[in-house]
N, C-alpha and C. Protein backbone atom coordinates (compact mmCIF):
# COMPACT_ATOMS: atom_id res chain seq x y z
N MET A 1 110.41 76.14 271.03
CA MET A 1 111.69 76.41 271.60
C MET A 1 112.09 77.85 271.28
N ALA A 2 112.56 78.55 272.23
CA ALA A 2 112.95 79.95 272.05
C ALA A 2 114.44 80.03 271.76
N TYR A 3 114.80 80.94 270.87
CA TYR A 3 116.20 81.16 270.51
C TYR A 3 116.62 82.55 270.96
N ALA A 4 117.92 82.73 271.14
CA ALA A 4 118.46 84.04 271.49
C ALA A 4 118.40 84.95 270.28
N GLN A 5 118.33 86.25 270.51
CA GLN A 5 118.25 87.20 269.41
C GLN A 5 119.55 87.29 268.64
N GLY A 6 120.66 87.15 269.26
CA GLY A 6 121.95 87.17 268.60
C GLY A 6 122.46 88.55 268.26
N LYS A 7 122.00 89.59 268.98
CA LYS A 7 122.43 90.95 268.62
C LYS A 7 123.88 91.23 269.01
N TYR A 8 124.45 90.43 269.89
CA TYR A 8 125.86 90.59 270.27
C TYR A 8 126.73 89.45 269.74
N SER A 9 126.17 88.56 268.97
CA SER A 9 126.89 87.37 268.50
C SER A 9 127.74 87.68 267.28
N ARG A 10 128.76 86.86 267.09
CA ARG A 10 129.65 86.96 265.95
C ARG A 10 129.60 85.62 265.21
N ALA A 11 129.83 85.63 263.91
CA ALA A 11 129.81 84.39 263.12
C ALA A 11 130.81 84.53 261.99
N ILE A 12 131.20 83.41 261.45
CA ILE A 12 132.18 83.37 260.36
C ILE A 12 131.45 83.10 259.04
N CYS A 13 131.80 83.87 258.03
CA CYS A 13 131.22 83.69 256.69
C CYS A 13 131.72 82.36 256.12
N ASP A 14 130.80 81.58 255.56
CA ASP A 14 131.16 80.27 255.01
C ASP A 14 131.98 80.38 253.72
N ARG A 15 131.94 81.51 253.06
CA ARG A 15 132.67 81.64 251.80
C ARG A 15 134.04 82.30 251.98
N CYS A 16 134.09 83.46 252.62
CA CYS A 16 135.38 84.15 252.72
C CYS A 16 136.11 83.86 254.03
N GLY A 17 135.41 83.42 255.08
CA GLY A 17 136.05 83.05 256.34
C GLY A 17 136.30 84.20 257.29
N PHE A 18 135.79 85.39 256.99
CA PHE A 18 135.97 86.53 257.89
C PHE A 18 134.88 86.53 258.96
N ASP A 19 135.18 87.25 260.05
CA ASP A 19 134.28 87.35 261.19
C ASP A 19 133.33 88.53 260.98
N PHE A 20 132.02 88.29 261.14
CA PHE A 20 130.99 89.32 260.94
C PHE A 20 129.96 89.21 262.06
N PRO A 21 129.19 90.28 262.30
CA PRO A 21 128.06 90.15 263.23
C PRO A 21 127.08 89.10 262.71
N TYR A 22 126.54 88.30 263.62
CA TYR A 22 125.67 87.17 263.25
C TYR A 22 124.46 87.63 262.44
N LEU A 23 123.89 88.78 262.80
CA LEU A 23 122.67 89.24 262.13
C LEU A 23 122.96 89.79 260.73
N ASP A 24 124.24 90.04 260.41
CA ASP A 24 124.58 90.53 259.06
C ASP A 24 124.72 89.40 258.05
N LEU A 25 124.82 88.17 258.51
CA LEU A 25 124.97 87.05 257.57
C LEU A 25 123.62 86.72 256.93
N ARG A 26 123.69 86.30 255.67
CA ARG A 26 122.47 85.93 254.93
C ARG A 26 122.61 84.50 254.45
N LYS A 27 121.51 83.80 254.39
CA LYS A 27 121.53 82.41 253.95
C LYS A 27 121.32 82.37 252.43
N GLU A 28 122.27 81.71 251.73
CA GLU A 28 122.19 81.57 250.28
C GLU A 28 121.31 80.38 249.90
N TRP A 29 121.03 80.27 248.61
CA TRP A 29 120.23 79.14 248.10
C TRP A 29 121.01 77.84 248.20
N THR A 30 122.34 77.92 248.37
CA THR A 30 123.15 76.72 248.52
C THR A 30 123.14 76.21 249.96
N GLY A 31 122.61 77.02 250.89
CA GLY A 31 122.57 76.64 252.30
C GLY A 31 123.67 77.29 253.12
N PHE A 32 124.60 78.00 252.47
CA PHE A 32 125.69 78.67 253.19
C PHE A 32 125.17 79.94 253.85
N LYS A 33 125.77 80.29 255.00
CA LYS A 33 125.54 81.59 255.63
C LYS A 33 126.73 82.45 255.27
N VAL A 34 126.48 83.52 254.49
CA VAL A 34 127.56 84.33 253.96
C VAL A 34 127.33 85.79 254.29
N CYS A 35 128.41 86.60 254.16
CA CYS A 35 128.32 88.03 254.40
C CYS A 35 127.67 88.72 253.20
N GLY A 36 127.42 90.01 253.33
CA GLY A 36 126.78 90.75 252.25
C GLY A 36 127.63 90.84 251.00
N GLU A 37 128.97 90.85 251.14
CA GLU A 37 129.85 90.93 249.97
C GLU A 37 129.90 89.61 249.21
N CYS A 38 129.77 88.50 249.91
CA CYS A 38 129.87 87.18 249.27
C CYS A 38 128.51 86.65 248.80
N TYR A 39 127.44 87.32 249.17
CA TYR A 39 126.10 86.81 248.85
C TYR A 39 125.85 86.87 247.34
N GLU A 40 125.39 85.76 246.78
CA GLU A 40 125.01 85.70 245.37
C GLU A 40 123.60 85.12 245.28
N PRO A 41 122.66 85.87 244.72
CA PRO A 41 121.31 85.32 244.56
C PRO A 41 121.30 84.20 243.52
N LYS A 42 120.32 83.35 243.60
CA LYS A 42 120.21 82.25 242.65
C LYS A 42 119.83 82.79 241.28
N HIS A 43 120.57 82.35 240.27
CA HIS A 43 120.31 82.81 238.91
C HIS A 43 119.03 82.14 238.39
N PRO A 44 118.18 82.86 237.64
CA PRO A 44 116.92 82.28 237.16
C PRO A 44 117.10 81.07 236.24
N GLN A 45 118.25 80.97 235.55
CA GLN A 45 118.45 79.85 234.64
C GLN A 45 118.70 78.55 235.39
N LEU A 46 119.01 78.62 236.68
CA LEU A 46 119.23 77.40 237.45
C LEU A 46 117.92 76.70 237.78
N THR A 47 116.81 77.42 237.72
CA THR A 47 115.50 76.84 237.95
C THR A 47 114.82 76.69 236.60
N PRO A 48 114.62 75.46 236.12
CA PRO A 48 113.99 75.30 234.80
C PRO A 48 112.53 75.75 234.84
N SER A 49 112.11 76.37 233.76
CA SER A 49 110.73 76.83 233.68
C SER A 49 109.82 75.64 233.42
N ARG A 50 108.64 75.73 233.94
CA ARG A 50 107.66 74.66 233.77
C ARG A 50 106.80 75.00 232.57
N SER A 51 106.81 74.13 231.59
CA SER A 51 105.96 74.34 230.43
C SER A 51 104.65 73.59 230.64
N PRO A 52 103.54 74.19 230.24
CA PRO A 52 102.25 73.51 230.43
C PRO A 52 102.13 72.28 229.52
N THR A 53 101.46 71.28 230.01
CA THR A 53 101.28 70.08 229.21
C THR A 53 100.14 70.28 228.22
N ASP A 54 100.25 69.62 227.09
CA ASP A 54 99.21 69.71 226.08
C ASP A 54 98.10 68.72 226.41
N PRO A 55 96.84 69.17 226.36
CA PRO A 55 95.75 68.22 226.58
C PRO A 55 95.67 67.24 225.41
N GLU A 56 95.53 65.97 225.70
CA GLU A 56 95.51 64.97 224.64
C GLU A 56 94.16 64.30 224.47
N ALA A 57 93.40 64.15 225.52
CA ALA A 57 92.13 63.44 225.40
C ALA A 57 91.15 63.99 226.41
N LEU A 58 89.89 63.76 226.17
CA LEU A 58 88.84 64.14 227.11
C LEU A 58 88.73 63.10 228.21
N TYR A 59 88.30 63.54 229.37
CA TYR A 59 88.06 62.62 230.47
C TYR A 59 86.68 62.01 230.27
N GLU A 60 86.59 60.72 230.18
CA GLU A 60 85.35 59.96 229.95
C GLU A 60 84.54 60.54 228.78
N PRO A 61 85.04 60.42 227.56
CA PRO A 61 84.32 60.98 226.42
C PRO A 61 83.04 60.22 226.13
N ARG A 62 82.09 60.91 225.55
CA ARG A 62 80.80 60.31 225.16
C ARG A 62 80.59 60.55 223.67
N PRO A 63 81.13 59.69 222.82
CA PRO A 63 80.99 59.92 221.38
C PRO A 63 79.56 59.65 220.93
N THR A 64 79.17 60.32 219.86
CA THR A 64 77.85 60.08 219.28
C THR A 64 77.94 58.86 218.38
N ILE A 65 76.91 58.05 218.42
CA ILE A 65 76.86 56.84 217.60
C ILE A 65 75.83 57.08 216.51
N SER A 66 76.26 56.96 215.27
CA SER A 66 75.36 57.15 214.14
C SER A 66 75.44 55.93 213.24
N ALA A 67 74.55 55.88 212.28
CA ALA A 67 74.54 54.77 211.32
C ALA A 67 75.79 54.84 210.46
N PRO A 68 76.41 53.71 210.20
CA PRO A 68 77.63 53.73 209.39
C PRO A 68 77.33 54.13 207.95
N THR A 69 78.17 54.94 207.38
CA THR A 69 78.03 55.35 205.99
C THR A 69 79.26 54.87 205.23
N THR A 70 79.08 54.65 203.96
CA THR A 70 80.19 54.17 203.16
C THR A 70 80.91 55.29 202.45
N GLY A 71 80.27 56.43 202.23
CA GLY A 71 81.01 57.56 201.70
C GLY A 71 80.55 58.03 200.34
N PHE A 72 81.39 58.82 199.74
CA PHE A 72 81.12 59.50 198.49
C PHE A 72 82.21 59.13 197.51
N GLY A 73 81.85 58.88 196.26
CA GLY A 73 82.84 58.48 195.26
C GLY A 73 82.73 59.31 194.00
N ILE A 74 83.79 59.36 193.24
CA ILE A 74 83.81 60.08 191.97
C ILE A 74 84.37 59.13 190.91
N ILE A 75 83.65 59.05 189.79
CA ILE A 75 84.12 58.24 188.66
C ILE A 75 84.72 59.19 187.63
N ARG A 76 85.92 58.91 187.24
CA ARG A 76 86.56 59.71 186.20
C ARG A 76 86.73 58.81 184.98
N THR A 77 86.30 59.32 183.87
CA THR A 77 86.41 58.54 182.64
C THR A 77 87.62 59.01 181.84
N SER A 78 88.28 58.09 181.25
CA SER A 78 89.40 58.44 180.38
C SER A 78 89.18 57.72 179.05
N SER A 79 89.55 58.37 178.03
CA SER A 79 89.34 57.81 176.70
C SER A 79 90.61 57.10 176.24
N PRO A 80 90.50 55.81 175.84
CA PRO A 80 91.69 55.14 175.33
C PRO A 80 92.11 55.68 173.96
N ASN A 81 91.18 56.29 173.23
CA ASN A 81 91.48 56.83 171.91
C ASN A 81 91.73 58.33 172.05
N PRO A 82 92.93 58.84 171.77
CA PRO A 82 93.20 60.27 171.96
C PRO A 82 92.40 61.16 171.00
N GLN A 83 91.90 60.61 169.89
CA GLN A 83 91.14 61.44 168.95
C GLN A 83 89.71 61.63 169.43
N TYR A 84 89.27 60.84 170.41
CA TYR A 84 87.89 60.93 170.88
C TYR A 84 87.87 61.86 172.09
N ASN A 85 87.10 62.92 172.01
CA ASN A 85 86.95 63.85 173.13
C ASN A 85 85.57 63.67 173.72
N ASN A 86 85.53 63.38 175.01
CA ASN A 86 84.26 63.26 175.71
C ASN A 86 84.04 64.57 176.46
N THR A 87 83.31 65.49 175.86
CA THR A 87 83.11 66.80 176.47
C THR A 87 82.04 66.76 177.54
N ASP A 88 81.25 65.66 177.61
CA ASP A 88 80.20 65.59 178.62
C ASP A 88 80.76 65.27 180.01
N ASP A 89 81.93 64.65 180.06
CA ASP A 89 82.45 64.19 181.34
C ASP A 89 83.92 64.60 181.50
N ILE A 90 84.15 65.92 181.64
CA ILE A 90 85.52 66.40 181.78
C ILE A 90 86.04 66.14 183.20
N ILE A 91 85.20 66.44 184.21
CA ILE A 91 85.64 66.30 185.60
C ILE A 91 85.34 64.91 186.14
N GLY A 92 84.16 64.40 185.90
CA GLY A 92 83.79 63.09 186.41
C GLY A 92 82.35 63.10 186.88
N THR A 93 81.84 61.93 187.15
CA THR A 93 80.47 61.79 187.62
C THR A 93 80.51 61.47 189.11
N SER A 94 79.72 62.19 189.87
CA SER A 94 79.69 61.92 191.31
C SER A 94 78.53 61.00 191.62
N TRP A 95 78.68 60.19 192.62
CA TRP A 95 77.66 59.22 193.01
C TRP A 95 77.81 58.90 194.48
N TYR A 96 76.73 58.44 195.09
CA TYR A 96 76.73 58.03 196.49
C TYR A 96 76.59 56.52 196.58
N MET A 97 77.30 55.91 197.52
CA MET A 97 77.18 54.48 197.74
C MET A 97 76.32 54.23 198.97
N LYS A 98 75.51 53.19 198.89
CA LYS A 98 74.75 52.77 200.07
C LYS A 98 75.42 51.56 200.71
N THR A 99 75.82 50.62 199.93
CA THR A 99 76.52 49.45 200.46
C THR A 99 77.67 49.12 199.54
N MET A 100 78.63 48.41 200.09
CA MET A 100 79.78 48.04 199.30
C MET A 100 80.29 46.69 199.79
N THR A 101 80.60 45.83 198.87
CA THR A 101 81.17 44.53 199.21
C THR A 101 82.43 44.34 198.40
N GLY A 102 83.30 43.50 198.89
CA GLY A 102 84.51 43.23 198.16
C GLY A 102 85.10 41.90 198.61
N SER A 103 86.01 41.41 197.81
CA SER A 103 86.68 40.17 198.17
C SER A 103 88.11 40.27 197.69
N LEU A 104 88.96 39.51 198.37
CA LEU A 104 90.37 39.53 198.05
C LEU A 104 90.81 38.28 197.32
N GLY A 105 90.13 37.20 197.56
CA GLY A 105 90.54 35.95 196.93
C GLY A 105 90.07 34.79 197.78
N THR A 106 90.61 33.62 197.53
CA THR A 106 90.22 32.43 198.28
C THR A 106 91.44 31.82 198.94
N VAL A 107 91.18 31.09 199.99
CA VAL A 107 92.24 30.39 200.72
C VAL A 107 91.86 28.92 200.73
N THR A 108 92.79 28.09 200.30
CA THR A 108 92.56 26.64 200.32
C THR A 108 93.53 26.02 201.33
N VAL A 109 92.95 25.27 202.27
CA VAL A 109 93.76 24.62 203.29
C VAL A 109 93.72 23.13 203.04
N THR A 110 94.88 22.52 202.87
CA THR A 110 94.95 21.07 202.69
C THR A 110 95.72 20.48 203.84
N THR A 111 95.30 19.31 204.26
CA THR A 111 96.01 18.61 205.35
C THR A 111 96.45 17.26 204.89
């Protein structure tokens, strides 16, 4: 659809209400057609900035599967007698575990 050029047209400013040439009016971010004196550009604070999202996980991760290990332990000795100094074991003895078992107690169910 073709429109007229509007070089001889007149229009009314939506803000101040005065009559101006149609081609002198500008469209604001609010949708109003206003004159050059009433025109206000959109302030940058009205548009919130987009912050990038933090990546949280990999897409379809492929973890490596290894043999389970129980870990590393340190034994620290303490002397119950303050007069006895054990100079051989000031820091502790380190050792590696291969297996570990434990128990918490027993449960008895009666009916």
